[in-house]
Structure formats: structure tokens, C-alpha cells
Amino acid sequence: MKEDNIDELFKKAKPYFDLEEPRAGHKARFIEKLNTTTVEPKRGVSWWKPLSIAASILVVMGLFLGQNLWLETEKERIAEISPEISNSEFYFANIIEQQVKQLESEKSPETEKIIEDALGQLALLESDYKKLEQDLLKGGNNNIILRSMIQNFQTRIDLMQDVLIQIEIIKNLKNQQNENSIT
């Protein structure tokens, strides 16, 4: 094949492109149509799309909320299985929360490490408690699981008390060292 310049190709093919001529008066008709064509004013904003999107979002939210309202939460299911554990959990959780606040208020450079370790241990005990809740919901031996859950809370409280005692010892040692260095 011979390579031709594209311009030469079009010159050669020109007779094949223009086979018909427009009818007489084509230009005048075109200009007349152009002048008579009016642009229609825009109608008001179409609210159909935004309303349909909003309606779709409401339907999805309604389904989601409806499903959540009908399904019992884990805490409600646990309360049905054992109302005592629900009351115990509320009681122990409040005690632990107060002790954590007290622990965090005692934070100093000397006690920072022991407080961080205690909070890490609390997190582990909390994850163990969540596993016990799941076991209870799955229908394991209720008495053993309930005792384990209460023991978990008691372990957390004992841990917090031990840490608070250790912090008091650290503070007393620091005060004694300060008194000895002054005299």
C-alpha cells in the first residue's frame, strides 16, 4: 500500500462525498426557521428529582429504624434471661466508673505507668465480659456464666482498689522523701 497524505486522500474522495445539492432556497428557509424558533422560557424548578431522592432516603431510614426498634438489644435480651445480672451490671458499672474517674484524677508522672497498666487490664476484663454476654445469649449454662460475669465485675473492682492503694503508697513515699530532703 502506498502511504498518502490525508489531505490528498480527501481531495481524491471529494467527488464521492458531495453527491446531492440542496434544493433551491435552502439558505433562506434555514434562516427563516432560525428566526422563528423561539426559546421557551424555563419553567419553574422541577422538584420531582429532589423529592424522589428525599423520599428514598426516608424509606431507607424508616426501614433501618423500624428494624432496630423491633429487634431487642443484647442488653434487653440479657435482662430477660437474668434480671439480676442486669441490676448487678448497673451497680458494678457505676462503682467501676467512679473508681476510674478517681484513678484518672490521681494521674502524675510517678503514677502514670501503673494507671495505664490498670486501664489496659480493665479493657481486657471488659472484652472478657462481652464474651460472657455472648455465651449467655447463645444459651450456655446460665448459672456458671452468670457467676463468671459477677466475678468479672468483682475482679475489676478489686483491681481498681489495689491500684488506688498502690497510688496512695507512692504518694506517701513521695511525701516522706520530700520531708526528709527538707530537714
N, C-alpha and C. Protein backbone atom coordinates (compact mmCIF):
# COMPACT_ATOMS: atom_id res chain seq x y z
N MET A 1 0.83 -1.19 0.00
CA MET A 1 0.00 0.00 0.00
C MET A 1 0.86 1.24 0.00
N LYS A 2 0.41 2.17 -0.72
CA LYS A 2 1.11 3.42 -0.84
C LYS A 2 0.57 4.36 0.25
N GLU A 3 1.48 5.01 1.01
CA GLU A 3 1.05 5.92 2.06
C GLU A 3 0.80 7.28 1.46
N ASP A 4 -0.44 7.76 1.59
CA ASP A 4 -0.82 9.07 1.06
C ASP A 4 -1.06 10.02 2.22
N ASN A 5 -0.84 11.26 1.93
CA ASN A 5 -1.14 12.30 2.89
C ASN A 5 -2.65 12.38 3.02
N ILE A 6 -3.14 12.65 4.25
CA ILE A 6 -4.58 12.65 4.48
C ILE A 6 -5.30 13.71 3.64
N ASP A 7 -4.64 14.84 3.42
CA ASP A 7 -5.26 15.87 2.58
C ASP A 7 -5.45 15.36 1.15
N GLU A 8 -4.49 14.63 0.64
CA GLU A 8 -4.60 14.10 -0.71
C GLU A 8 -5.74 13.08 -0.80
N LEU A 9 -5.91 12.30 0.29
CA LEU A 9 -7.00 11.33 0.31
C LEU A 9 -8.36 12.02 0.22
N PHE A 10 -8.53 13.09 0.96
CA PHE A 10 -9.80 13.81 0.91
C PHE A 10 -10.03 14.47 -0.45
N LYS A 11 -8.96 14.98 -1.07
CA LYS A 11 -9.11 15.58 -2.40
C LYS A 11 -9.56 14.53 -3.41
N LYS A 12 -9.00 13.35 -3.27
CA LYS A 12 -9.37 12.28 -4.19
C LYS A 12 -10.81 11.82 -3.94
N ALA A 13 -11.26 11.82 -2.67
CA ALA A 13 -12.58 11.30 -2.33
C ALA A 13 -13.67 12.36 -2.41
N LYS A 14 -13.34 13.62 -2.66
CA LYS A 14 -14.32 14.70 -2.66
C LYS A 14 -15.47 14.47 -3.64
N PRO A 15 -15.26 14.01 -4.79
CA PRO A 15 -16.39 13.80 -5.69
C PRO A 15 -17.38 12.77 -5.16
N TYR A 16 -16.92 11.88 -4.34
CA TYR A 16 -17.81 10.83 -3.83
C TYR A 16 -18.64 11.33 -2.64
N PHE A 17 -18.21 12.40 -1.96
CA PHE A 17 -18.93 12.92 -0.80
C PHE A 17 -20.10 13.82 -1.20
N ASP A 18 -19.92 14.71 -2.10
CA ASP A 18 -20.94 15.69 -2.46
C ASP A 18 -21.76 15.16 -3.63
N LEU A 19 -22.69 14.30 -3.36
CA LEU A 19 -23.47 13.71 -4.43
C LEU A 19 -24.72 14.53 -4.74
N GLU A 20 -25.30 15.20 -3.75
CA GLU A 20 -26.53 15.92 -3.98
C GLU A 20 -26.36 17.37 -3.57
N GLU A 21 -27.05 18.21 -4.26
CA GLU A 21 -27.05 19.63 -3.96
C GLU A 21 -28.32 19.94 -3.18
N PRO A 22 -28.29 20.91 -2.25
CA PRO A 22 -29.52 21.29 -1.56
C PRO A 22 -30.50 21.93 -2.53
N ARG A 23 -31.78 21.85 -2.20
CA ARG A 23 -32.79 22.42 -3.07
C ARG A 23 -32.65 23.95 -3.11
N ALA A 24 -33.21 24.52 -4.07
CA ALA A 24 -33.15 25.98 -4.22
C ALA A 24 -33.83 26.64 -3.04
N GLY A 25 -33.25 27.69 -2.51
CA GLY A 25 -33.82 28.44 -1.39
C GLY A 25 -33.51 27.81 -0.04
N HIS A 26 -32.59 26.87 0.00
CA HIS A 26 -32.24 26.19 1.25
C HIS A 26 -31.77 27.17 2.31
N LYS A 27 -30.90 28.07 1.95
CA LYS A 27 -30.34 29.02 2.89
C LYS A 27 -31.43 29.93 3.46
N ALA A 28 -32.34 30.39 2.61
CA ALA A 28 -33.43 31.27 3.06
C ALA A 28 -34.35 30.55 4.03
N ARG A 29 -34.67 29.29 3.72
CA ARG A 29 -35.52 28.50 4.63
C ARG A 29 -34.83 28.29 5.97
N PHE A 30 -33.57 28.03 5.95
CA PHE A 30 -32.81 27.81 7.18
C PHE A 30 -32.82 29.06 8.05
N ILE A 31 -32.58 30.22 7.45
CA ILE A 31 -32.56 31.48 8.21
C ILE A 31 -33.95 31.79 8.75
N GLU A 32 -34.99 31.52 7.94
CA GLU A 32 -36.35 31.75 8.41
C GLU A 32 -36.68 30.89 9.62
N LYS A 33 -36.31 29.61 9.58
CA LYS A 33 -36.55 28.72 10.73
C LYS A 33 -35.75 29.17 11.94
N LEU A 34 -34.56 29.63 11.68
CA LEU A 34 -33.71 30.10 12.77
C LEU A 34 -34.33 31.30 13.46
N ASN A 35 -34.91 32.20 12.68
CA ASN A 35 -35.53 33.41 13.25
C ASN A 35 -36.85 33.10 13.94
N THR A 36 -37.61 32.12 13.44
CA THR A 36 -38.91 31.83 14.03
C THR A 36 -38.81 30.92 15.25
N THR A 37 -37.71 30.27 15.40
CA THR A 37 -37.54 29.39 16.55
C THR A 37 -37.35 30.25 17.79
N THR A 38 -38.23 30.08 18.73
CA THR A 38 -38.12 30.83 19.96
C THR A 38 -37.67 29.90 21.08
N VAL A 39 -36.95 30.48 21.95
CA VAL A 39 -36.51 29.71 23.11
C VAL A 39 -37.61 29.78 24.15
N GLU A 40 -38.06 28.63 24.58
CA GLU A 40 -39.11 28.60 25.58
C GLU A 40 -38.52 29.00 26.92
N PRO A 41 -39.23 29.85 27.63
CA PRO A 41 -38.71 30.21 28.95
C PRO A 41 -38.70 28.99 29.85
N LYS A 42 -37.70 28.97 30.71
CA LYS A 42 -37.60 27.84 31.63
C LYS A 42 -38.77 27.85 32.58
N ARG A 43 -39.31 26.70 32.76
CA ARG A 43 -40.37 26.58 33.74
C ARG A 43 -39.73 26.59 35.11
N GLY A 44 -40.53 26.61 36.11
CA GLY A 44 -40.03 26.58 37.48
C GLY A 44 -39.14 25.35 37.70
N VAL A 45 -38.42 25.38 38.78
CA VAL A 45 -37.53 24.29 39.10
C VAL A 45 -38.34 23.02 39.29
N SER A 46 -37.88 21.97 38.70
CA SER A 46 -38.55 20.68 38.84
C SER A 46 -38.17 20.08 40.19
N TRP A 47 -39.17 19.86 41.00
CA TRP A 47 -38.92 19.31 42.33
C TRP A 47 -39.04 17.79 42.35
N TRP A 48 -39.28 17.21 41.21
CA TRP A 48 -39.50 15.77 41.15
C TRP A 48 -38.27 14.98 41.61
N LYS A 49 -37.10 15.31 41.08
CA LYS A 49 -35.90 14.56 41.45
C LYS A 49 -35.52 14.74 42.92
N PRO A 50 -35.43 15.98 43.43
CA PRO A 50 -35.07 16.11 44.84
C PRO A 50 -36.08 15.44 45.77
N LEU A 51 -37.37 15.55 45.44
CA LEU A 51 -38.37 14.91 46.28
C LEU A 51 -38.28 13.39 46.23
N SER A 52 -37.98 12.84 45.07
CA SER A 52 -37.87 11.38 44.98
C SER A 52 -36.64 10.90 45.75
N ILE A 53 -35.55 11.67 45.70
CA ILE A 53 -34.34 11.29 46.47
C ILE A 53 -34.64 11.35 47.96
N ALA A 54 -35.29 12.43 48.39
CA ALA A 54 -35.63 12.58 49.81
C ALA A 54 -36.56 11.46 50.26
N ALA A 55 -37.51 11.11 49.43
CA ALA A 55 -38.44 10.03 49.78
C ALA A 55 -37.70 8.70 49.89
N SER A 56 -36.76 8.48 49.01
CA SER A 56 -35.98 7.24 49.07
C SER A 56 -35.17 7.17 50.36
N ILE A 57 -34.57 8.29 50.72
CA ILE A 57 -33.78 8.32 51.96
C ILE A 57 -34.68 8.06 53.16
N LEU A 58 -35.87 8.66 53.17
CA LEU A 58 -36.79 8.45 54.28
C LEU A 58 -37.23 6.99 54.37
N VAL A 59 -37.46 6.37 53.23
CA VAL A 59 -37.87 4.96 53.24
C VAL A 59 -36.76 4.09 53.81
N VAL A 60 -35.51 4.34 53.38
CA VAL A 60 -34.39 3.56 53.89
C VAL A 60 -34.21 3.77 55.39
N MET A 61 -34.31 5.03 55.82
CA MET A 61 -34.18 5.31 57.25
C MET A 61 -35.31 4.66 58.03
N GLY A 62 -36.49 4.71 57.49
CA GLY A 62 -37.63 4.08 58.15
C GLY A 62 -37.44 2.58 58.31
N LEU A 63 -36.96 1.95 57.27
CA LEU A 63 -36.70 0.51 57.36
C LEU A 63 -35.64 0.20 58.40
N PHE A 64 -34.57 1.00 58.39
CA PHE A 64 -33.47 0.78 59.34
C PHE A 64 -33.95 0.99 60.78
N LEU A 65 -34.65 2.10 61.02
CA LEU A 65 -35.12 2.38 62.38
C LEU A 65 -36.18 1.37 62.81
N GLY A 66 -37.05 1.02 61.90
CA GLY A 66 -38.08 0.03 62.22
C GLY A 66 -37.47 -1.31 62.59
N GLN A 67 -36.45 -1.69 61.87
CA GLN A 67 -35.79 -2.95 62.17
C GLN A 67 -35.13 -2.89 63.54
N ASN A 68 -34.49 -1.78 63.85
CA ASN A 68 -33.83 -1.64 65.14
C ASN A 68 -34.82 -1.56 66.29
N LEU A 69 -35.99 -0.99 66.05
CA LEU A 69 -36.98 -0.92 67.11
C LEU A 69 -37.58 -2.29 67.40
N TRP A 70 -37.71 -3.10 66.38
CA TRP A 70 -38.32 -4.41 66.57
C TRP A 70 -37.36 -5.42 67.16
N LEU A 71 -36.08 -5.26 66.83
CA LEU A 71 -35.11 -6.20 67.37
C LEU A 71 -34.70 -5.77 68.77
N GLU A 72 -34.65 -6.72 69.65
CA GLU A 72 -34.23 -6.41 71.00
C GLU A 72 -32.72 -6.23 71.03
N THR A 73 -32.29 -5.34 71.87
CA THR A 73 -30.85 -5.16 72.03
C THR A 73 -30.32 -6.31 72.88
N GLU A 74 -29.01 -6.45 72.85
CA GLU A 74 -28.40 -7.52 73.64
C GLU A 74 -28.69 -7.33 75.13
N LYS A 75 -28.63 -6.07 75.57
CA LYS A 75 -28.89 -5.79 76.99
C LYS A 75 -30.31 -6.20 77.37
N GLU A 76 -31.28 -5.94 76.49
CA GLU A 76 -32.66 -6.33 76.77
C GLU A 76 -32.80 -7.84 76.82
N ARG A 77 -32.13 -8.53 75.92
CA ARG A 77 -32.20 -9.99 75.90
C ARG A 77 -31.56 -10.57 77.15
N ILE A 78 -30.43 -9.97 77.57
CA ILE A 78 -29.77 -10.44 78.79
C ILE A 78 -30.67 -10.19 80.00
N ALA A 79 -31.34 -9.03 80.03
CA ALA A 79 -32.24 -8.71 81.13
C ALA A 79 -33.40 -9.71 81.17
N GLU A 80 -33.85 -10.19 80.02
CA GLU A 80 -34.92 -11.19 80.00
C GLU A 80 -34.42 -12.53 80.55
N ILE A 81 -33.18 -12.86 80.20
CA ILE A 81 -32.62 -14.13 80.68
C ILE A 81 -32.38 -14.06 82.18
N SER A 82 -31.79 -12.95 82.62
CA SER A 82 -31.48 -12.82 84.03
C SER A 82 -31.59 -11.35 84.46
N PRO A 83 -32.71 -10.98 85.04
CA PRO A 83 -32.87 -9.60 85.50
C PRO A 83 -31.83 -9.23 86.57
N GLU A 84 -31.37 -10.22 87.35
CA GLU A 84 -30.40 -9.95 88.41
C GLU A 84 -29.08 -9.44 87.83
N ILE A 85 -28.64 -10.04 86.73
CA ILE A 85 -27.36 -9.63 86.15
C ILE A 85 -27.48 -8.21 85.60
N SER A 86 -28.64 -7.85 85.11
CA SER A 86 -28.84 -6.50 84.60
C SER A 86 -28.71 -5.48 85.73
N ASN A 87 -29.33 -5.78 86.87
CA ASN A 87 -29.22 -4.89 88.04
C ASN A 87 -27.79 -4.86 88.56
N SER A 88 -27.15 -6.02 88.61
CA SER A 88 -25.77 -6.10 89.09
C SER A 88 -24.84 -5.32 88.17
N GLU A 89 -25.07 -5.45 86.88
CA GLU A 89 -24.23 -4.75 85.92
C GLU A 89 -24.32 -3.24 86.13
N PHE A 90 -25.53 -2.74 86.34
CA PHE A 90 -25.72 -1.31 86.56
C PHE A 90 -24.98 -0.88 87.83
N TYR A 91 -25.12 -1.64 88.89
CA TYR A 91 -24.48 -1.31 90.16
C TYR A 91 -22.96 -1.33 90.04
N PHE A 92 -22.42 -2.43 89.52
CA PHE A 92 -20.97 -2.57 89.41
C PHE A 92 -20.37 -1.56 88.42
N ALA A 93 -21.08 -1.33 87.33
CA ALA A 93 -20.57 -0.39 86.33
C ALA A 93 -20.43 1.01 86.92
N ASN A 94 -21.38 1.42 87.77
CA ASN A 94 -21.28 2.73 88.41
C ASN A 94 -20.09 2.79 89.36
N ILE A 95 -19.89 1.75 90.12
CA ILE A 95 -18.74 1.72 91.05
C ILE A 95 -17.44 1.80 90.27
N ILE A 96 -17.34 1.01 89.22
CA ILE A 96 -16.11 0.98 88.41
C ILE A 96 -15.88 2.33 87.76
N GLU A 97 -16.93 2.95 87.25
CA GLU A 97 -16.79 4.26 86.61
C GLU A 97 -16.28 5.30 87.60
N GLN A 98 -16.80 5.28 88.83
CA GLN A 98 -16.33 6.22 89.85
C GLN A 98 -14.85 5.97 90.17
N GLN A 99 -14.47 4.70 90.27
CA GLN A 99 -13.07 4.39 90.59
C GLN A 99 -12.14 4.78 89.44
N VAL A 100 -12.60 4.63 88.21
CA VAL A 100 -11.78 5.04 87.06
C VAL A 100 -11.58 6.55 87.09
N LYS A 101 -12.64 7.30 87.40
CA LYS A 101 -12.51 8.76 87.49
C LYS A 101 -11.53 9.14 88.60
N GLN A 102 -11.64 8.47 89.72
CA GLN A 102 -10.72 8.74 90.84
C GLN A 102 -9.29 8.40 90.43
N LEU A 103 -9.14 7.29 89.73
CA LEU A 103 -7.82 6.86 89.27
C LEU A 103 -7.22 7.89 88.32
N GLU A 104 -8.00 8.37 87.39
CA GLU A 104 -7.51 9.36 86.43
C GLU A 104 -7.19 10.69 87.09
N SER A 105 -7.89 11.02 88.17
CA SER A 105 -7.60 12.26 88.88
C SER A 105 -6.28 12.16 89.65
N GLU A 106 -5.83 10.97 89.93
CA GLU A 106 -4.58 10.75 90.67
C GLU A 106 -3.37 10.66 89.73
N LYS A 107 -3.58 10.89 88.47
CA LYS A 107 -2.51 10.73 87.47
C LYS A 107 -1.40 11.75 87.70
N SER A 108 -0.18 11.26 87.76
CA SER A 108 1.01 12.10 87.90
C SER A 108 2.15 11.36 87.21
N PRO A 109 3.29 11.98 87.05
CA PRO A 109 4.40 11.27 86.39
C PRO A 109 4.80 9.99 87.12
N GLU A 110 4.68 9.98 88.43
CA GLU A 110 5.06 8.79 89.21
C GLU A 110 4.04 7.66 89.06
N THR A 111 2.77 8.02 88.87
CA THR A 111 1.71 7.01 88.83
C THR A 111 1.20 6.71 87.42
N GLU A 112 1.73 7.40 86.44
CA GLU A 112 1.21 7.27 85.08
C GLU A 112 1.29 5.83 84.57
N LYS A 113 2.39 5.17 84.76
CA LYS A 113 2.59 3.81 84.24
C LYS A 113 1.60 2.83 84.89
N ILE A 114 1.46 2.93 86.19
CA ILE A 114 0.56 1.99 86.88
C ILE A 114 -0.90 2.23 86.48
N ILE A 115 -1.26 3.48 86.24
CA ILE A 115 -2.63 3.79 85.81
C ILE A 115 -2.88 3.27 84.40
N GLU A 116 -1.92 3.45 83.51
CA GLU A 116 -2.08 2.93 82.14
C GLU A 116 -2.21 1.41 82.14
N ASP A 117 -1.40 0.74 82.97
CA ASP A 117 -1.50 -0.72 83.06
C ASP A 117 -2.87 -1.15 83.59
N ALA A 118 -3.35 -0.44 84.59
CA ALA A 118 -4.66 -0.78 85.17
C ALA A 118 -5.77 -0.59 84.14
N LEU A 119 -5.71 0.49 83.39
CA LEU A 119 -6.74 0.73 82.36
C LEU A 119 -6.68 -0.34 81.26
N GLY A 120 -5.47 -0.79 80.95
CA GLY A 120 -5.32 -1.88 79.97
C GLY A 120 -5.93 -3.17 80.49
N GLN A 121 -5.70 -3.46 81.76
CA GLN A 121 -6.29 -4.66 82.37
C GLN A 121 -7.82 -4.55 82.40
N LEU A 122 -8.32 -3.35 82.69
CA LEU A 122 -9.78 -3.15 82.67
C LEU A 122 -10.36 -3.41 81.28
N ALA A 123 -9.65 -2.97 80.26
CA ALA A 123 -10.12 -3.20 78.89
C ALA A 123 -10.17 -4.70 78.58
N LEU A 124 -9.17 -5.44 79.04
CA LEU A 124 -9.17 -6.89 78.82
C LEU A 124 -10.34 -7.56 79.56
N LEU A 125 -10.56 -7.13 80.79
CA LEU A 125 -11.67 -7.69 81.55
C LEU A 125 -13.02 -7.33 80.91
N GLU A 126 -13.12 -6.14 80.34
CA GLU A 126 -14.34 -5.74 79.65
C GLU A 126 -14.58 -6.61 78.42
N SER A 127 -13.52 -6.91 77.67
CA SER A 127 -13.69 -7.77 76.49
C SER A 127 -14.07 -9.20 76.91
N ASP A 128 -13.52 -9.66 78.04
CA ASP A 128 -13.93 -10.97 78.56
C ASP A 128 -15.41 -10.96 78.94
N TYR A 129 -15.85 -9.85 79.51
CA TYR A 129 -17.25 -9.72 79.90
C TYR A 129 -18.16 -9.77 78.67
N LYS A 130 -17.75 -9.11 77.59
CA LYS A 130 -18.54 -9.13 76.35
C LYS A 130 -18.66 -10.56 75.83
N LYS A 131 -17.58 -11.34 75.94
CA LYS A 131 -17.63 -12.74 75.51
C LYS A 131 -18.61 -13.53 76.37
N LEU A 132 -18.59 -13.25 77.69
CA LEU A 132 -19.53 -13.94 78.58
C LEU A 132 -20.98 -13.58 78.22
N GLU A 133 -21.22 -12.32 77.87
CA GLU A 133 -22.57 -11.92 77.44
C GLU A 133 -23.00 -12.71 76.21
N GLN A 134 -22.08 -12.86 75.25
CA GLN A 134 -22.40 -13.61 74.04
C GLN A 134 -22.69 -15.07 74.37
N ASP A 135 -21.89 -15.65 75.28
CA ASP A 135 -22.13 -17.03 75.69
C ASP A 135 -23.51 -17.17 76.34
N LEU A 136 -23.88 -16.20 77.16
CA LEU A 136 -25.18 -16.23 77.82
C LEU A 136 -26.31 -16.17 76.79
N LEU A 137 -26.13 -15.31 75.78
CA LEU A 137 -27.16 -15.19 74.74
C LEU A 137 -27.26 -16.44 73.88
N LYS A 138 -26.14 -17.13 73.72
CA LYS A 138 -26.15 -18.36 72.92
C LYS A 138 -26.81 -19.52 73.67
N GLY A 139 -27.04 -19.33 74.98
CA GLY A 139 -27.76 -20.35 75.73
C GLY A 139 -26.86 -21.33 76.45
N GLY A 140 -25.71 -20.89 76.86
CA GLY A 140 -24.83 -21.77 77.63
C GLY A 140 -25.40 -22.01 79.01
N ASN A 141 -24.60 -22.64 79.86
CA ASN A 141 -25.02 -22.91 81.23
C ASN A 141 -25.16 -21.57 81.96
N ASN A 142 -26.39 -21.17 82.18
CA ASN A 142 -26.66 -19.83 82.71
C ASN A 142 -26.03 -19.57 84.07
N ASN A 143 -26.10 -20.52 84.99
CA ASN A 143 -25.59 -20.29 86.33
C ASN A 143 -24.08 -20.05 86.33
N ILE A 144 -23.37 -20.85 85.58
CA ILE A 144 -21.91 -20.71 85.52
C ILE A 144 -21.54 -19.38 84.86
N ILE A 145 -22.21 -19.06 83.80
CA ILE A 145 -21.91 -17.80 83.08
C ILE A 145 -22.26 -16.60 83.95
N LEU A 146 -23.39 -16.64 84.62
CA LEU A 146 -23.79 -15.53 85.48
C LEU A 146 -22.78 -15.33 86.61
N ARG A 147 -22.34 -16.43 87.22
CA ARG A 147 -21.31 -16.31 88.27
C ARG A 147 -20.02 -15.74 87.71
N SER A 148 -19.67 -16.15 86.50
CA SER A 148 -18.45 -15.63 85.87
C SER A 148 -18.57 -14.14 85.58
N MET A 149 -19.75 -13.72 85.18
CA MET A 149 -19.96 -12.30 84.89
C MET A 149 -19.82 -11.45 86.16
N ILE A 150 -20.40 -11.94 87.24
CA ILE A 150 -20.29 -11.21 88.51
C ILE A 150 -18.85 -11.25 89.01
N GLN A 151 -18.17 -12.37 88.83
CA GLN A 151 -16.76 -12.48 89.22
C GLN A 151 -15.91 -11.50 88.41
N ASN A 152 -16.26 -11.32 87.15
CA ASN A 152 -15.54 -10.37 86.30
C ASN A 152 -15.65 -8.96 86.87
N PHE A 153 -16.86 -8.57 87.25
CA PHE A 153 -17.05 -7.25 87.86
C PHE A 153 -16.26 -7.13 89.16
N GLN A 154 -16.32 -8.17 89.97
CA GLN A 154 -15.61 -8.13 91.25
C GLN A 154 -14.11 -8.02 91.02
N THR A 155 -13.60 -8.71 90.01
CA THR A 155 -12.17 -8.64 89.68
C THR A 155 -11.80 -7.23 89.26
N ARG A 156 -12.65 -6.59 88.49
CA ARG A 156 -12.38 -5.22 88.07
C ARG A 156 -12.35 -4.27 89.27
N ILE A 157 -13.30 -4.44 90.18
CA ILE A 157 -13.34 -3.58 91.36
C ILE A 157 -12.11 -3.82 92.23
N ASP A 158 -11.74 -5.09 92.43
CA ASP A 158 -10.54 -5.41 93.22
C ASP A 158 -9.30 -4.81 92.58
N LEU A 159 -9.20 -4.90 91.25
CA LEU A 159 -8.06 -4.32 90.54
C LEU A 159 -7.98 -2.82 90.80
N MET A 160 -9.11 -2.14 90.67
CA MET A 160 -9.11 -0.69 90.88
C MET A 160 -8.73 -0.34 92.31
N GLN A 161 -9.24 -1.10 93.27
CA GLN A 161 -8.90 -0.82 94.67
C GLN A 161 -7.41 -1.04 94.92
N ASP A 162 -6.85 -2.12 94.37
CA ASP A 162 -5.42 -2.38 94.54
C ASP A 162 -4.58 -1.26 93.94
N VAL A 163 -4.97 -0.79 92.77
CA VAL A 163 -4.22 0.29 92.11
C VAL A 163 -4.31 1.57 92.93
N LEU A 164 -5.52 1.87 93.43
CA LEU A 164 -5.66 3.08 94.26
C LEU A 164 -4.82 2.99 95.53
N ILE A 165 -4.73 1.81 96.13
CA ILE A 165 -3.87 1.62 97.31
C ILE A 165 -2.42 1.83 96.93
N GLN A 166 -1.99 1.28 95.80
CA GLN A 166 -0.60 1.46 95.35
C GLN A 166 -0.30 2.93 95.08
N ILE A 167 -1.26 3.65 94.54
CA ILE A 167 -1.05 5.08 94.28
C ILE A 167 -0.90 5.83 95.60
N GLU A 168 -1.70 5.47 96.59
CA GLU A 168 -1.57 6.11 97.92
C GLU A 168 -0.19 5.83 98.51
N ILE A 169 0.30 4.61 98.35
CA ILE A 169 1.64 4.27 98.86
C ILE A 169 2.69 5.11 98.15
N ILE A 170 2.56 5.24 96.84
CA ILE A 170 3.52 6.05 96.06
C ILE A 170 3.48 7.50 96.52
N LYS A 171 2.28 8.04 96.73
CA LYS A 171 2.15 9.43 97.18
C LYS A 171 2.76 9.60 98.57
N ASN A 172 2.53 8.63 99.49
CA ASN A 172 3.10 8.72 100.84
C ASN A 172 4.62 8.65 100.81
N LEU A 173 5.17 7.76 99.97
CA LEU A 173 6.63 7.67 99.85
C LEU A 173 7.20 8.98 99.31
N LYS A 174 6.53 9.56 98.36
CA LYS A 174 6.99 10.83 97.78
C LYS A 174 6.96 11.93 98.85
N ASN A 175 5.89 11.97 99.65
CA ASN A 175 5.79 12.97 100.72
C ASN A 175 6.89 12.76 101.77
N GLN A 176 7.18 11.50 102.11
CA GLN A 176 8.24 11.22 103.09
C GLN A 176 9.60 11.64 102.55
N GLN A 177 9.83 11.38 101.26
CA GLN A 177 11.10 11.79 100.66
C GLN A 177 11.23 13.31 100.65
N ASN A 178 10.13 13.99 100.38
CA ASN A 178 10.15 15.45 100.38
C ASN A 178 10.40 15.99 101.79
N GLU A 179 9.80 15.36 102.81
CA GLU A 179 10.02 15.81 104.18
C GLU A 179 11.46 15.56 104.62
N ASN A 180 12.02 14.42 104.23
CA ASN A 180 13.41 14.09 104.60
C ASN A 180 14.39 15.02 103.91
N SER A 181 14.10 15.40 102.69
CA SER A 181 15.01 16.28 101.96
C SER A 181 14.95 17.71 102.49
N ILE A 182 13.83 18.11 103.08
CA ILE A 182 13.69 19.47 103.62
C ILE A 182 14.42 19.59 104.94
N THR A 183 14.38 18.57 105.80
CA THR A 183 15.01 18.67 107.14
C THR A 183 16.48 18.40 107.10
